[in-house]
Amino acid sequence: MEHIHKVVVLGSGGVGKSALIIQFLQNYFLMTYDPTIEESYRKQIQVDNNTCFLEILDTAGSEYFSAMRDQFINSGEGFLIMYSVNSRESFEQLPEVLKQIKKVKDKRNRAVVIIGNKIDLERKRKISVQEGKDFSNSHGAAFFETSAKDRINVDESFNRLVQEIRKTKSIKKRTKRCSIL
């Protein structure tokens, strides 16, 4: 049986959410920046020899659309939370995004991968690899640095998120209780 996993990609505007998704889906780098309100995509993939479908929701990074974020989060099973390694501001917004996820989702229902994107812009880097790792570790999240442009760690990020989703689903199944009336 094929499973459908709902993935929500979150992060501030301009961090490369759409570019990463398009690179993952079509092996193509999106050169132009066109702010997203909401786009939805599907892709069938193999992770650990199991086939699954991903429903990927590309969300708006703009604060103007932040009210819609709770709805996106509620519908998701796994979250790719992105910042740009050349934007301190995008990194500093991560705690707020994580806080929103925790508010909407209970702990057993949370699969998170944090992504530092745009490593192809190494000379403009403002967040070190170690800082990204430390932040992710402190929140119990997997961490990748990616380049949508150079297709570095793109598939790996999505595959790891599927593994995290499967892990949370198995924990949830084990913790279900039976009530006798």
N, C-alpha and C. Protein backbone atom coordinates (compact mmCIF):
# COMPACT_ATOMS: atom_id res chain seq x y z
N MET A 1 0.84 -1.19 0.00
CA MET A 1 0.00 0.00 0.00
C MET A 1 0.89 1.25 0.00
N GLU A 2 0.55 2.19 -0.83
CA GLU A 2 1.32 3.43 -0.90
C GLU A 2 0.78 4.44 0.09
N HIS A 3 1.67 5.12 0.76
CA HIS A 3 1.28 6.10 1.77
C HIS A 3 1.40 7.51 1.20
N ILE A 4 0.52 8.37 1.66
CA ILE A 4 0.59 9.79 1.29
C ILE A 4 1.05 10.55 2.53
N HIS A 5 2.11 11.32 2.36
CA HIS A 5 2.63 12.13 3.45
C HIS A 5 2.47 13.60 3.08
N LYS A 6 1.88 14.36 3.99
CA LYS A 6 1.66 15.78 3.75
C LYS A 6 2.81 16.59 4.36
N VAL A 7 3.53 17.25 3.47
CA VAL A 7 4.72 18.02 3.84
C VAL A 7 4.44 19.50 3.66
N VAL A 8 4.79 20.29 4.66
CA VAL A 8 4.62 21.73 4.60
C VAL A 8 6.01 22.37 4.65
N VAL A 9 6.29 23.25 3.70
CA VAL A 9 7.58 23.93 3.65
C VAL A 9 7.37 25.36 4.16
N LEU A 10 8.07 25.69 5.25
CA LEU A 10 7.89 26.98 5.92
C LEU A 10 9.22 27.73 5.99
N GLY A 11 9.13 29.05 6.10
CA GLY A 11 10.31 29.90 6.23
C GLY A 11 9.97 31.28 5.72
N SER A 12 10.84 32.24 6.02
CA SER A 12 10.56 33.61 5.58
C SER A 12 10.69 33.75 4.07
N GLY A 13 10.20 34.87 3.57
CA GLY A 13 10.25 35.15 2.15
C GLY A 13 11.68 35.20 1.63
N GLY A 14 11.90 34.63 0.46
CA GLY A 14 13.20 34.74 -0.19
C GLY A 14 14.25 33.73 0.24
N VAL A 15 13.89 32.74 1.08
CA VAL A 15 14.89 31.77 1.53
C VAL A 15 15.09 30.64 0.53
N GLY A 16 14.20 30.54 -0.46
CA GLY A 16 14.36 29.53 -1.51
C GLY A 16 13.43 28.34 -1.38
N LYS A 17 12.31 28.51 -0.72
CA LYS A 17 11.36 27.40 -0.54
C LYS A 17 10.90 26.86 -1.89
N SER A 18 10.40 27.73 -2.74
CA SER A 18 9.90 27.31 -4.06
C SER A 18 11.02 26.73 -4.91
N ALA A 19 12.19 27.35 -4.87
CA ALA A 19 13.33 26.87 -5.66
C ALA A 19 13.72 25.45 -5.23
N LEU A 20 13.73 25.20 -3.93
CA LEU A 20 14.08 23.87 -3.43
C LEU A 20 13.04 22.84 -3.88
N ILE A 21 11.77 23.20 -3.78
CA ILE A 21 10.70 22.28 -4.17
C ILE A 21 10.76 21.98 -5.66
N ILE A 22 10.92 23.01 -6.49
CA ILE A 22 10.98 22.81 -7.95
C ILE A 22 12.21 21.97 -8.31
N GLN A 23 13.32 22.21 -7.65
CA GLN A 23 14.53 21.41 -7.89
C GLN A 23 14.25 19.94 -7.53
N PHE A 24 13.57 19.71 -6.42
CA PHE A 24 13.22 18.35 -5.98
C PHE A 24 12.28 17.67 -6.98
N LEU A 25 11.30 18.39 -7.46
CA LEU A 25 10.28 17.82 -8.34
C LEU A 25 10.75 17.66 -9.78
N GLN A 26 11.47 18.67 -10.29
CA GLN A 26 11.73 18.74 -11.72
C GLN A 26 13.21 18.82 -12.10
N ASN A 27 14.11 18.72 -11.13
CA ASN A 27 15.55 18.87 -11.42
C ASN A 27 15.84 20.15 -12.18
N TYR A 28 15.25 21.22 -11.71
CA TYR A 28 15.35 22.50 -12.40
C TYR A 28 15.50 23.60 -11.35
N PHE A 29 16.41 24.55 -11.61
CA PHE A 29 16.58 25.67 -10.69
C PHE A 29 15.78 26.87 -11.17
N LEU A 30 14.93 27.36 -10.31
CA LEU A 30 14.09 28.52 -10.56
C LEU A 30 14.93 29.77 -10.37
N MET A 31 15.25 30.47 -11.46
CA MET A 31 16.13 31.63 -11.39
C MET A 31 15.45 32.89 -10.86
N THR A 32 14.14 33.01 -11.10
CA THR A 32 13.44 34.24 -10.72
C THR A 32 12.74 34.06 -9.39
N TYR A 33 12.62 35.15 -8.67
CA TYR A 33 11.90 35.13 -7.39
C TYR A 33 10.51 35.66 -7.62
N ASP A 34 9.54 34.80 -7.35
CA ASP A 34 8.13 35.17 -7.48
C ASP A 34 7.47 34.76 -6.17
N PRO A 35 7.16 35.72 -5.30
CA PRO A 35 6.61 35.36 -3.99
C PRO A 35 5.38 34.45 -4.11
N THR A 36 5.38 33.41 -3.29
CA THR A 36 4.31 32.42 -3.30
C THR A 36 3.26 32.78 -2.26
N ILE A 37 2.02 32.53 -2.58
CA ILE A 37 0.96 32.60 -1.57
C ILE A 37 0.72 31.19 -1.06
N GLU A 38 0.43 30.28 -1.97
CA GLU A 38 0.29 28.88 -1.62
C GLU A 38 0.29 28.08 -2.91
N GLU A 39 1.16 27.09 -2.98
CA GLU A 39 1.21 26.16 -4.12
C GLU A 39 1.26 24.76 -3.55
N SER A 40 0.65 23.83 -4.26
CA SER A 40 0.62 22.46 -3.81
C SER A 40 1.16 21.56 -4.93
N TYR A 41 1.97 20.56 -4.56
CA TYR A 41 2.58 19.66 -5.52
C TYR A 41 2.48 18.22 -5.01
N ARG A 42 2.62 17.27 -5.92
CA ARG A 42 2.65 15.84 -5.57
C ARG A 42 3.82 15.17 -6.26
N LYS A 43 4.43 14.24 -5.55
CA LYS A 43 5.51 13.46 -6.16
C LYS A 43 5.56 12.09 -5.49
N GLN A 44 5.76 11.08 -6.32
CA GLN A 44 5.96 9.73 -5.82
C GLN A 44 7.45 9.51 -5.67
N ILE A 45 7.86 8.98 -4.50
CA ILE A 45 9.28 8.71 -4.26
C ILE A 45 9.45 7.37 -3.55
N GLN A 46 10.68 6.91 -3.53
CA GLN A 46 11.07 5.70 -2.79
C GLN A 46 11.96 6.13 -1.63
N VAL A 47 11.60 5.73 -0.44
CA VAL A 47 12.43 5.99 0.73
C VAL A 47 12.56 4.68 1.49
N ASP A 48 13.77 4.24 1.70
CA ASP A 48 14.04 2.96 2.38
C ASP A 48 13.27 1.81 1.73
N ASN A 49 13.30 1.77 0.41
CA ASN A 49 12.63 0.72 -0.38
C ASN A 49 11.11 0.69 -0.24
N ASN A 50 10.52 1.75 0.24
CA ASN A 50 9.06 1.86 0.32
C ASN A 50 8.61 3.05 -0.52
N THR A 51 7.59 2.80 -1.33
CA THR A 51 7.04 3.86 -2.17
C THR A 51 6.05 4.70 -1.36
N CYS A 52 6.09 6.01 -1.59
CA CYS A 52 5.11 6.89 -0.97
C CYS A 52 4.87 8.08 -1.88
N PHE A 53 3.78 8.75 -1.64
CA PHE A 53 3.48 10.00 -2.33
C PHE A 53 3.68 11.14 -1.35
N LEU A 54 4.30 12.20 -1.83
CA LEU A 54 4.40 13.42 -1.02
C LEU A 54 3.42 14.43 -1.58
N GLU A 55 2.63 15.00 -0.71
CA GLU A 55 1.84 16.19 -1.04
C GLU A 55 2.60 17.33 -0.39
N ILE A 56 3.17 18.19 -1.22
CA ILE A 56 4.05 19.25 -0.72
C ILE A 56 3.33 20.59 -0.83
N LEU A 57 3.24 21.28 0.30
CA LEU A 57 2.61 22.60 0.32
C LEU A 57 3.70 23.65 0.46
N ASP A 58 3.81 24.49 -0.55
CA ASP A 58 4.77 25.60 -0.57
C ASP A 58 4.03 26.81 -0.03
N THR A 59 4.47 27.32 1.10
CA THR A 59 3.73 28.39 1.79
C THR A 59 4.33 29.77 1.54
N ALA A 60 3.53 30.78 1.85
CA ALA A 60 3.98 32.16 1.74
C ALA A 60 4.97 32.47 2.85
N GLY A 61 6.04 33.14 2.50
CA GLY A 61 7.01 33.55 3.52
C GLY A 61 6.68 34.90 4.10
N SER A 62 5.87 35.65 3.41
CA SER A 62 5.53 37.00 3.83
C SER A 62 4.72 37.00 5.13
N GLU A 63 5.03 37.93 6.01
CA GLU A 63 4.28 38.07 7.26
C GLU A 63 2.81 38.37 7.00
N TYR A 64 2.52 38.96 5.86
CA TYR A 64 1.15 39.31 5.50
C TYR A 64 0.25 38.07 5.50
N PHE A 65 0.81 36.92 5.18
CA PHE A 65 0.04 35.69 5.09
C PHE A 65 0.22 34.77 6.31
N SER A 66 0.82 35.28 7.38
CA SER A 66 1.13 34.43 8.53
C SER A 66 -0.13 33.87 9.20
N ALA A 67 -1.26 34.53 9.06
CA ALA A 67 -2.51 34.03 9.64
C ALA A 67 -2.90 32.69 9.02
N MET A 68 -2.51 32.46 7.78
CA MET A 68 -2.83 31.21 7.10
C MET A 68 -1.94 30.06 7.59
N ARG A 69 -0.86 30.40 8.27
CA ARG A 69 0.13 29.41 8.65
C ARG A 69 -0.43 28.31 9.56
N ASP A 70 -1.29 28.67 10.52
CA ASP A 70 -1.89 27.67 11.41
C ASP A 70 -2.64 26.62 10.61
N GLN A 71 -3.37 27.06 9.61
CA GLN A 71 -4.12 26.14 8.76
C GLN A 71 -3.17 25.20 8.02
N PHE A 72 -2.09 25.74 7.47
CA PHE A 72 -1.09 24.92 6.77
C PHE A 72 -0.49 23.90 7.73
N ILE A 73 -0.12 24.36 8.91
CA ILE A 73 0.51 23.50 9.90
C ILE A 73 -0.43 22.38 10.32
N ASN A 74 -1.68 22.73 10.54
CA ASN A 74 -2.67 21.73 10.97
C ASN A 74 -2.81 20.60 9.96
N SER A 75 -2.68 20.93 8.68
CA SER A 75 -2.86 19.91 7.64
C SER A 75 -1.60 19.08 7.40
N GLY A 76 -0.46 19.51 7.93
CA GLY A 76 0.81 18.84 7.65
C GLY A 76 1.17 17.73 8.61
N GLU A 77 1.93 16.77 8.10
CA GLU A 77 2.50 15.70 8.93
C GLU A 77 3.98 15.94 9.18
N GLY A 78 4.63 16.61 8.23
CA GLY A 78 6.05 16.88 8.34
C GLY A 78 6.35 18.28 7.85
N PHE A 79 7.41 18.86 8.41
CA PHE A 79 7.72 20.26 8.14
C PHE A 79 9.19 20.44 7.78
N LEU A 80 9.41 21.04 6.61
CA LEU A 80 10.74 21.50 6.24
C LEU A 80 10.75 22.98 6.60
N ILE A 81 11.58 23.35 7.54
CA ILE A 81 11.65 24.75 7.98
C ILE A 81 12.96 25.31 7.46
N MET A 82 12.86 26.34 6.64
CA MET A 82 14.04 26.84 5.94
C MET A 82 14.45 28.24 6.37
N TYR A 83 15.75 28.43 6.31
CA TYR A 83 16.33 29.77 6.41
C TYR A 83 17.41 29.85 5.34
N SER A 84 17.87 31.03 5.09
CA SER A 84 18.96 31.23 4.13
C SER A 84 20.24 31.48 4.91
N VAL A 85 21.31 30.77 4.55
CA VAL A 85 22.57 30.92 5.30
C VAL A 85 23.16 32.33 5.15
N ASN A 86 22.64 33.10 4.22
CA ASN A 86 23.13 34.48 4.06
C ASN A 86 22.15 35.51 4.62
N SER A 87 21.21 35.07 5.46
CA SER A 87 20.23 35.99 6.06
C SER A 87 20.04 35.69 7.54
N ARG A 88 20.65 36.51 8.37
CA ARG A 88 20.50 36.37 9.82
C ARG A 88 19.02 36.51 10.21
N GLU A 89 18.32 37.41 9.56
CA GLU A 89 16.90 37.65 9.87
C GLU A 89 16.06 36.37 9.64
N SER A 90 16.31 35.65 8.55
CA SER A 90 15.54 34.43 8.28
C SER A 90 15.84 33.36 9.33
N PHE A 91 17.08 33.31 9.81
CA PHE A 91 17.46 32.36 10.85
C PHE A 91 16.79 32.72 12.18
N GLU A 92 16.74 34.00 12.48
CA GLU A 92 16.15 34.45 13.74
C GLU A 92 14.64 34.26 13.80
N GLN A 93 14.01 34.01 12.66
CA GLN A 93 12.57 33.76 12.64
C GLN A 93 12.21 32.30 12.90
N LEU A 94 13.20 31.40 12.89
CA LEU A 94 12.95 29.98 13.11
C LEU A 94 12.24 29.67 14.43
N PRO A 95 12.66 30.27 15.56
CA PRO A 95 11.97 29.94 16.81
C PRO A 95 10.47 30.24 16.76
N GLU A 96 10.10 31.30 16.08
CA GLU A 96 8.68 31.66 15.98
C GLU A 96 7.92 30.61 15.16
N VAL A 97 8.53 30.14 14.09
CA VAL A 97 7.89 29.11 13.25
C VAL A 97 7.74 27.82 14.06
N LEU A 98 8.78 27.43 14.78
CA LEU A 98 8.71 26.23 15.61
C LEU A 98 7.66 26.37 16.71
N LYS A 99 7.56 27.57 17.28
CA LYS A 99 6.56 27.84 18.32
C LYS A 99 5.14 27.66 17.75
N GLN A 100 4.94 28.12 16.53
CA GLN A 100 3.64 27.97 15.88
C GLN A 100 3.31 26.49 15.65
N ILE A 101 4.30 25.72 15.21
CA ILE A 101 4.08 24.28 14.99
C ILE A 101 3.73 23.60 16.31
N LYS A 102 4.46 23.92 17.38
CA LYS A 102 4.20 23.32 18.69
C LYS A 102 2.81 23.69 19.20
N LYS A 103 2.37 24.90 18.88
CA LYS A 103 1.04 25.35 19.32
C LYS A 103 -0.06 24.54 18.62
N VAL A 104 0.15 24.22 17.35
CA VAL A 104 -0.88 23.56 16.55
C VAL A 104 -0.80 22.03 16.64
N LYS A 105 0.40 21.49 16.69
CA LYS A 105 0.62 20.04 16.67
C LYS A 105 1.10 19.55 18.03
N ASP A 106 0.60 18.36 18.45
CA ASP A 106 1.16 17.80 19.68
C ASP A 106 2.51 17.16 19.36
N LYS A 107 3.26 16.86 20.39
CA LYS A 107 4.64 16.41 20.23
C LYS A 107 4.78 15.15 19.37
N ARG A 108 3.84 14.20 19.52
CA ARG A 108 3.93 12.95 18.77
C ARG A 108 3.62 13.15 17.29
N ASN A 109 3.07 14.29 16.96
CA ASN A 109 2.62 14.55 15.59
C ASN A 109 3.56 15.48 14.83
N ARG A 110 4.82 15.57 15.27
CA ARG A 110 5.71 16.56 14.71
C ARG A 110 6.97 15.96 14.12
N ALA A 111 7.10 16.04 12.82
CA ALA A 111 8.33 15.62 12.15
C ALA A 111 8.92 16.88 11.52
N VAL A 112 10.13 17.23 11.92
CA VAL A 112 10.72 18.50 11.47
C VAL A 112 12.14 18.28 10.96
N VAL A 113 12.42 18.90 9.82
CA VAL A 113 13.79 18.99 9.30
C VAL A 113 14.07 20.47 9.08
N ILE A 114 15.17 20.95 9.63
CA ILE A 114 15.57 22.35 9.46
C ILE A 114 16.62 22.41 8.36
N ILE A 115 16.42 23.37 7.46
CA ILE A 115 17.28 23.49 6.29
C ILE A 115 17.90 24.89 6.24
N GLY A 116 19.22 24.93 6.14
CA GLY A 116 19.94 26.16 5.83
C GLY A 116 20.21 26.14 4.34
N ASN A 117 19.52 26.94 3.58
CA ASN A 117 19.61 26.93 2.11
C ASN A 117 20.59 28.00 1.61
N LYS A 118 20.93 27.88 0.37
CA LYS A 118 21.79 28.82 -0.36
C LYS A 118 23.27 28.70 0.01
N ILE A 119 23.72 27.46 0.23
CA ILE A 119 25.15 27.29 0.55
C ILE A 119 26.04 27.59 -0.66
N ASP A 120 25.44 27.76 -1.83
CA ASP A 120 26.21 28.19 -3.00
C ASP A 120 26.66 29.64 -2.85
N LEU A 121 26.09 30.36 -1.88
CA LEU A 121 26.47 31.75 -1.62
C LEU A 121 27.41 31.82 -0.41
N GLU A 122 28.36 30.89 -0.35
CA GLU A 122 29.27 30.73 0.78
C GLU A 122 29.94 32.04 1.21
N ARG A 123 30.33 32.85 0.25
CA ARG A 123 31.04 34.10 0.59
C ARG A 123 30.14 35.11 1.30
N LYS A 124 28.83 34.94 1.18
CA LYS A 124 27.88 35.85 1.84
C LYS A 124 27.29 35.24 3.11
N ARG A 125 27.82 34.12 3.54
CA ARG A 125 27.29 33.38 4.69
C ARG A 125 27.28 34.24 5.95
N LYS A 126 26.16 34.17 6.69
CA LYS A 126 26.04 34.87 7.97
C LYS A 126 25.76 33.91 9.12
N ILE A 127 25.35 32.67 8.80
CA ILE A 127 25.06 31.66 9.82
C ILE A 127 25.99 30.48 9.57
N SER A 128 26.80 30.14 10.56
CA SER A 128 27.75 29.03 10.39
C SER A 128 27.00 27.69 10.39
N VAL A 129 27.65 26.68 9.84
CA VAL A 129 27.10 25.32 9.84
C VAL A 129 26.85 24.91 11.29
N GLN A 130 27.80 25.18 12.16
CA GLN A 130 27.68 24.78 13.56
C GLN A 130 26.49 25.44 14.24
N GLU A 131 26.25 26.70 13.94
CA GLU A 131 25.11 27.41 14.53
C GLU A 131 23.80 26.77 14.09
N GLY A 132 23.71 26.40 12.82
CA GLY A 132 22.52 25.72 12.32
C GLY A 132 22.32 24.37 12.98
N LYS A 133 23.43 23.60 13.11
CA LYS A 133 23.37 22.28 13.76
C LYS A 133 22.95 22.41 15.22
N ASP A 134 23.56 23.38 15.93
CA ASP A 134 23.25 23.57 17.35
C ASP A 134 21.78 23.92 17.54
N PHE A 135 21.28 24.80 16.70
CA PHE A 135 19.86 25.19 16.81
C PHE A 135 18.96 23.98 16.57
N SER A 136 19.24 23.22 15.53
CA SER A 136 18.43 22.05 15.19
C SER A 136 18.48 21.02 16.31
N ASN A 137 19.69 20.74 16.82
CA ASN A 137 19.83 19.78 17.92
C ASN A 137 19.04 20.21 19.15
N SER A 138 19.06 21.50 19.45
CA SER A 138 18.35 21.99 20.64
C SER A 138 16.84 21.84 20.50
N HIS A 139 16.37 21.65 19.28
CA HIS A 139 14.93 21.47 19.04
C HIS A 139 14.59 20.04 18.59
N GLY A 140 15.56 19.15 18.68
CA GLY A 140 15.33 17.75 18.33
C GLY A 140 14.97 17.54 16.87
N ALA A 141 15.51 18.38 16.01
CA ALA A 141 15.20 18.30 14.58
C ALA A 141 16.42 17.88 13.77
N ALA A 142 16.17 17.19 12.66
CA ALA A 142 17.25 16.86 11.73
C ALA A 142 17.67 18.16 11.04
N PHE A 143 18.90 18.17 10.51
CA PHE A 143 19.43 19.40 9.91
C PHE A 143 20.19 19.09 8.63
N PHE A 144 19.96 19.92 7.62
CA PHE A 144 20.71 19.85 6.37
C PHE A 144 21.03 21.26 5.92
N GLU A 145 22.18 21.41 5.28
CA GLU A 145 22.44 22.61 4.50
C GLU A 145 22.26 22.20 3.05
N THR A 146 21.58 23.08 2.30
CA THR A 146 21.24 22.75 0.92
C THR A 146 21.60 23.88 -0.03
N SER A 147 21.60 23.51 -1.30
CA SER A 147 21.65 24.50 -2.36
C SER A 147 20.64 24.05 -3.41
N ALA A 148 19.55 24.82 -3.52
CA ALA A 148 18.57 24.52 -4.57
C ALA A 148 19.24 24.74 -5.93
N LYS A 149 20.12 25.72 -6.02
CA LYS A 149 20.79 26.03 -7.29
C LYS A 149 21.67 24.88 -7.75
N ASP A 150 22.49 24.35 -6.85
CA ASP A 150 23.44 23.29 -7.20
C ASP A 150 22.94 21.88 -6.88
N ARG A 151 21.69 21.79 -6.44
CA ARG A 151 21.03 20.52 -6.09
C ARG A 151 21.83 19.72 -5.04
N ILE A 152 22.23 20.41 -3.99
CA ILE A 152 22.96 19.78 -2.90
C ILE A 152 21.99 19.49 -1.75
N ASN A 153 21.94 18.23 -1.33
CA ASN A 153 21.10 17.77 -0.22
C ASN A 153 19.60 18.02 -0.40
N VAL A 154 19.16 18.16 -1.63
CA VAL A 154 17.74 18.41 -1.89
C VAL A 154 16.94 17.13 -1.62
N ASP A 155 17.26 16.06 -2.34
CA ASP A 155 16.56 14.79 -2.14
C ASP A 155 16.75 14.28 -0.71
N GLU A 156 17.95 14.42 -0.19
CA GLU A 156 18.25 13.94 1.15
C GLU A 156 17.35 14.58 2.20
N SER A 157 17.06 15.87 2.04
CA SER A 157 16.21 16.59 3.00
C SER A 157 14.79 16.03 3.00
N PHE A 158 14.24 15.84 1.79
CA PHE A 158 12.88 15.31 1.69
C PHE A 158 12.83 13.86 2.18
N ASN A 159 13.83 13.06 1.81
CA ASN A 159 13.86 11.66 2.25
C ASN A 159 13.93 11.56 3.77
N ARG A 160 14.76 12.39 4.37
CA ARG A 160 14.88 12.38 5.85
C ARG A 160 13.56 12.79 6.49
N LEU A 161 12.87 13.75 5.89
CA LEU A 161 11.59 14.16 6.45
C LEU A 161 10.59 13.00 6.40
N VAL A 162 10.58 12.24 5.32
CA VAL A 162 9.70 11.07 5.23
C VAL A 162 10.05 10.07 6.34
N GLN A 163 11.34 9.86 6.58
CA GLN A 163 11.76 8.96 7.66
C GLN A 163 11.26 9.47 9.02
N GLU A 164 11.35 10.77 9.22
CA GLU A 164 10.88 11.38 10.48
C GLU A 164 9.36 11.24 10.61
N ILE A 165 8.64 11.42 9.52
CA ILE A 165 7.17 11.26 9.54
C ILE A 165 6.82 9.83 9.92
N ARG A 166 7.49 8.88 9.30
CA ARG A 166 7.24 7.47 9.60
C ARG A 166 7.53 7.16 11.07
N LYS A 167 8.60 7.76 11.58
CA LYS A 167 8.95 7.56 12.98
C LYS A 167 7.85 8.09 13.90
N THR A 168 7.35 9.28 13.62
CA THR A 168 6.29 9.86 14.47
C THR A 168 5.00 9.06 14.36
N LYS A 169 4.71 8.54 13.17
CA LYS A 169 3.50 7.72 13.01
C LYS A 169 3.62 6.42 13.80
N SER A 170 4.80 5.82 13.82
CA SER A 170 4.97 4.56 14.55
C SER A 170 4.90 4.82 16.06
N ILE A 171 5.41 5.94 16.52
CA ILE A 171 5.31 6.30 17.94
C ILE A 171 3.84 6.53 18.30
N LYS A 172 3.14 7.21 17.44
CA LYS A 172 1.73 7.51 17.68
C LYS A 172 0.92 6.21 17.77
N LYS A 173 1.20 5.27 16.88
CA LYS A 173 0.49 3.97 16.92
C LYS A 173 0.75 3.24 18.22
N ARG A 174 2.01 3.24 18.66
CA ARG A 174 2.38 2.54 19.90
C ARG A 174 1.77 3.16 21.13
N THR A 175 1.47 4.47 21.08
CA THR A 175 0.96 5.15 22.27
C THR A 175 -0.56 5.25 22.31
N LYS A 176 -1.24 4.76 21.27
CA LYS A 176 -2.70 4.75 21.30
C LYS A 176 -3.17 3.84 22.41
N ARG A 177 -4.15 4.27 23.14
CA ARG A 177 -4.68 3.50 24.24
C ARG A 177 -6.04 2.92 23.89
N CYS A 178 -6.36 1.82 24.48
CA CYS A 178 -7.64 1.18 24.27
C CYS A 178 -8.52 1.48 25.48
N SER A 179 -9.73 1.96 25.22
CA SER A 179 -10.66 2.26 26.30
C SER A 179 -11.75 1.22 26.36
N ILE A 180 -12.00 0.71 27.53
CA ILE A 180 -13.10 -0.23 27.72
C ILE A 180 -14.20 0.50 28.45
N LEU A 181 -15.37 0.49 27.86
CA LEU A 181 -16.49 1.21 28.46
C LEU A 181 -17.39 0.30 29.23
